[in-house]
Amino acid sequence: MIVEAPVEVSPPPHRAPDTFPHVAVAIPCGTMVHADFAVSLGSMMHALGEMPMSIVVGKSSIVADARNMGLDFAQKHKADYILFIDSDMTFPRDALLKLLVRNVDIIGATYSRRTAPFHFLGDILPEQPADAPKGLLEMARIPTGFLLVKATVFEQLRRPYFRFRVDEEAGVNIGEDYDFSDRVRGLGFRIWCDPLLSKEIGHIGEQSFKL
């Protein structure tokens, strides 16, 4: 099930300039989102001024399917970029702008695991390329909890764009985020991560408090 919610972040009569990219925010979730996530999203949308934006919520218990729902919506509405945000994230109001100004095909922020041992998710390339943009890290794999992708990337991928994979040789399941990373890198795309923004991303979890 898809809930379509195009959002105008600035009231009429002013129209966004045609030079602004159209960004579709795709949120995979079940039947609800965290309150802190909603506050972060509202704050970010308000900060974007007249940039044309759309929001789509992909409702599915299968996260890969939910991401594909959001992507279908973005393609239907001819978005230039898709920003995938998980509903258990918190982020600063300028997070999207920090990624957009880089003008690369795939860029995102990583974030901490929610269980010990705590560390950033994803795999950084062991040796960083000499042509890496200042302040960015090239990734072998990146989680998709806060990931901006140009729509043109998906023109070179086969459906389903997001899927789970089984590595029978290693005996492990590969999530839809790392499978996506492997496939786009196999097509020659590079994945970038903003490490400073990553330090501002929160990953909402649960904790049991006892006295």
Protein backbone atom coordinates (compact mmCIF):
# COMPACT_ATOMS: atom_id res chain seq x y z
CA MET A 1 0.00 0.00 0.00
CA ILE A 2 1.29 3.47 -0.89
CA VAL A 3 0.20 6.65 0.82
CA GLU A 4 0.86 9.52 -1.56
CA ALA A 5 1.36 12.87 0.13
CA PRO A 6 2.82 15.52 -2.18
CA VAL A 7 3.92 18.40 0.01
CA GLU A 8 4.24 22.08 -0.88
CA VAL A 9 6.71 23.51 1.58
CA SER A 10 6.00 27.13 0.64
CA PRO A 11 2.51 28.60 0.26
CA PRO A 12 1.34 30.17 -3.02
CA PRO A 13 1.45 32.49 -4.91
CA HIS A 14 5.22 32.09 -5.28
CA ARG A 15 6.30 29.28 -7.59
CA ALA A 16 9.59 27.42 -7.19
CA PRO A 17 12.14 28.27 -9.90
CA ASP A 18 12.45 25.66 -12.62
CA THR A 19 16.13 25.24 -11.80
CA PHE A 20 15.31 23.65 -8.44
CA PRO A 21 15.41 19.84 -8.56
CA HIS A 22 12.31 17.88 -7.64
CA VAL A 23 13.13 15.61 -4.71
CA ALA A 24 10.86 12.74 -3.70
CA VAL A 25 11.26 11.68 -0.07
CA ALA A 26 10.58 7.94 0.17
CA ILE A 27 9.84 6.63 3.66
CA PRO A 28 9.50 2.87 4.18
CA CYS A 29 7.51 2.04 7.29
CA GLY A 30 4.73 -0.02 8.76
CA THR A 31 1.71 1.76 10.17
CA MET A 32 3.43 4.56 12.07
CA VAL A 33 6.58 6.65 12.38
CA HIS A 34 8.51 7.89 15.41
CA ALA A 35 7.58 11.33 16.75
CA ASP A 36 11.21 12.50 16.71
CA PHE A 37 11.47 11.45 13.07
CA ALA A 38 8.35 13.45 12.22
CA VAL A 39 9.81 16.54 13.92
CA SER A 40 13.07 16.15 11.97
CA LEU A 41 11.20 15.74 8.69
CA GLY A 42 8.99 18.76 9.30
CA SER A 43 11.96 20.91 10.21
CA MET A 44 13.88 19.84 7.11
CA MET A 45 10.94 20.47 4.80
CA HIS A 46 10.44 23.94 6.27
CA ALA A 47 14.11 24.76 5.70
CA LEU A 48 13.90 23.90 2.00
CA GLY A 49 11.94 27.01 1.07
CA GLU A 50 10.40 26.74 -2.40
CA MET A 51 12.14 23.58 -3.55
CA PRO A 52 9.53 21.26 -5.12
CA MET A 53 9.15 18.24 -2.85
CA SER A 54 6.98 15.16 -2.61
CA ILE A 55 6.64 12.66 0.21
CA VAL A 56 5.60 9.06 -0.19
CA VAL A 57 5.16 6.48 2.54
CA GLY A 58 5.57 2.88 1.44
CA LYS A 59 3.59 0.73 3.86
CA SER A 60 4.94 -2.80 3.98
CA SER A 61 6.47 -5.09 6.57
CA ILE A 62 9.03 -6.03 3.89
CA VAL A 63 11.42 -3.09 3.73
CA ALA A 64 12.64 -3.88 0.20
CA ASP A 65 9.05 -3.76 -1.08
CA ALA A 66 8.43 -0.51 0.79
CA ARG A 67 11.48 1.09 -0.86
CA ASN A 68 10.31 -0.07 -4.29
CA MET A 69 6.89 1.46 -3.65
CA GLY A 70 8.49 4.80 -2.87
CA LEU A 71 10.63 4.58 -5.97
CA ASP A 72 7.64 3.79 -8.20
CA PHE A 73 5.96 6.95 -6.90
CA ALA A 74 9.09 9.03 -7.55
CA GLN A 75 9.37 7.77 -11.11
CA LYS A 76 5.67 8.35 -11.77
CA HIS A 77 6.06 11.98 -10.67
CA LYS A 78 9.33 12.44 -12.57
CA ALA A 79 11.46 13.29 -9.54
CA ASP A 80 15.08 14.24 -10.19
CA TYR A 81 16.28 12.75 -6.90
CA ILE A 82 14.98 10.22 -4.41
CA LEU A 83 15.84 10.69 -0.76
CA PHE A 84 15.34 7.46 1.15
CA ILE A 85 14.80 8.10 4.86
CA ASP A 86 13.94 5.39 7.37
CA SER A 87 11.22 6.25 9.87
CA ASP A 88 13.55 5.64 12.83
CA MET A 89 16.04 8.38 11.89
CA THR A 90 16.63 11.86 13.28
CA PHE A 91 18.59 14.40 11.26
CA PRO A 92 19.40 18.13 11.06
CA ARG A 93 17.23 20.52 9.07
CA ASP A 94 19.96 21.15 6.48
CA ALA A 95 20.74 17.46 5.90
CA LEU A 96 19.24 17.23 2.40
CA LEU A 97 20.89 20.47 1.27
CA LYS A 98 24.29 19.20 2.41
CA LEU A 99 23.87 16.20 0.12
CA LEU A 100 22.31 18.02 -2.84
CA VAL A 101 25.10 20.57 -3.18
CA ARG A 102 27.57 17.74 -3.84
CA ASN A 103 25.83 16.93 -7.15
CA VAL A 104 26.89 13.28 -7.26
CA ASP A 105 24.88 10.21 -8.26
CA ILE A 106 24.69 8.49 -4.88
CA ILE A 107 25.44 10.07 -1.53
CA GLY A 108 24.25 9.55 2.00
CA ALA A 109 25.01 9.51 5.67
CA THR A 110 25.67 6.48 7.78
CA TYR A 111 24.68 6.00 11.41
CA SER A 112 25.22 3.81 14.43
CA ARG A 113 24.01 0.30 15.02
CA ARG A 114 21.33 0.12 17.71
CA THR A 115 22.92 -2.81 19.51
CA ALA A 116 26.40 -3.36 20.91
CA PRO A 117 29.06 -3.18 19.67
CA PHE A 118 28.13 0.32 18.55
CA HIS A 119 29.75 1.49 15.33
CA PHE A 120 28.82 3.14 12.06
CA LEU A 121 27.11 0.90 9.52
CA GLY A 122 28.48 0.36 6.02
CA ASP A 123 31.90 -0.42 4.59
CA ILE A 124 34.40 2.32 3.74
CA LEU A 125 36.74 1.60 0.85
CA PRO A 126 40.06 0.67 2.50
CA GLU A 127 41.99 3.00 0.21
CA GLN A 128 40.33 6.30 -0.56
CA PRO A 129 40.72 7.59 -4.13
CA ALA A 130 42.81 10.67 -4.83
CA ASP A 131 39.88 12.31 -6.64
CA ALA A 132 37.47 12.00 -3.71
CA PRO A 133 35.57 15.27 -3.17
CA LYS A 134 36.81 17.13 -0.12
CA GLY A 135 35.02 16.02 3.02
CA LEU A 136 33.53 12.84 1.51
CA LEU A 137 34.40 9.16 1.86
CA GLU A 138 33.89 6.62 -0.89
CA MET A 139 31.97 3.59 0.35
CA ALA A 140 31.88 -0.03 -0.76
CA ARG A 141 28.50 -0.39 0.97
CA ILE A 142 26.21 2.13 2.64
CA PRO A 143 22.95 1.73 4.57
CA THR A 144 19.86 3.30 3.02
CA GLY A 145 18.42 4.99 6.11
CA PHE A 146 19.43 8.42 4.79
CA LEU A 147 20.46 8.10 1.15
CA LEU A 148 20.07 10.49 -1.80
CA VAL A 149 20.09 8.94 -5.28
CA LYS A 150 19.71 10.59 -8.68
CA ALA A 151 16.73 9.17 -10.56
CA THR A 152 18.95 8.41 -13.56
CA VAL A 153 20.77 5.73 -11.55
CA PHE A 154 17.69 3.51 -11.60
CA GLU A 155 17.48 3.68 -15.39
CA GLN A 156 20.44 1.29 -15.47
CA LEU A 157 19.11 -1.13 -12.83
CA ARG A 158 16.74 -4.01 -13.38
CA ARG A 159 13.64 -4.41 -11.27
CA PRO A 160 13.20 -5.07 -8.46
CA TYR A 161 15.50 -2.19 -7.60
CA PHE A 162 15.65 -3.25 -3.96
CA ARG A 163 15.75 -6.91 -3.00
CA PHE A 164 17.27 -9.26 -0.47
CA ARG A 165 19.99 -11.65 -1.53
CA VAL A 166 21.37 -14.91 -0.16
CA ASP A 167 25.10 -15.52 -0.36
CA GLU A 168 25.08 -19.30 -0.20
CA GLU A 169 28.86 -19.59 -0.30
CA ALA A 170 29.28 -17.40 2.76
CA GLY A 171 26.06 -18.65 4.32
CA VAL A 172 24.70 -15.15 4.98
CA ASN A 173 21.71 -13.04 4.04
CA ILE A 174 22.46 -9.70 2.42
CA GLY A 175 20.06 -6.85 3.12
CA GLU A 176 18.47 -4.73 0.42
CA ASP A 177 20.78 -1.82 1.21
CA TYR A 178 24.05 -3.70 0.74
CA ASP A 179 22.67 -5.55 -2.27
CA PHE A 180 21.84 -2.18 -3.84
CA SER A 181 25.35 -0.96 -3.07
CA ASP A 182 26.90 -4.02 -4.72
CA ARG A 183 24.77 -3.71 -7.83
CA VAL A 184 25.28 0.01 -8.47
CA ARG A 185 29.02 -0.26 -7.91
CA GLY A 186 29.03 -3.14 -10.36
CA LEU A 187 27.55 -0.72 -12.91
CA GLY A 188 30.33 1.77 -12.31
CA PHE A 189 28.58 4.16 -9.94
CA ARG A 190 30.42 5.48 -6.92
CA ILE A 191 28.88 5.76 -3.47
CA TRP A 192 29.79 8.71 -1.27
CA CYS A 193 29.27 9.34 2.42
CA ASP A 194 29.37 12.62 4.34
CA PRO A 195 31.11 11.68 7.63
CA LEU A 196 30.35 14.99 9.36
CA LEU A 197 26.65 14.72 8.58
CA SER A 198 26.76 11.10 9.74
CA LYS A 199 27.68 12.29 13.22
CA GLU A 200 24.43 14.28 13.30
CA ILE A 201 22.18 11.37 12.30
CA GLY A 202 20.34 9.60 15.10
CA HIS A 203 19.11 6.01 14.94
CA ILE A 204 16.08 5.69 17.22
CA GLY A 205 15.89 2.54 19.32
CA GLU A 206 14.40 1.14 22.51
CA GLN A 207 15.92 0.63 25.91
CA SER A 208 14.59 -1.00 29.05
CA PHE A 209 15.24 1.08 32.17
CA LYS A 210 15.48 -0.60 35.58
CA LEU A 211 16.29 0.64 39.08
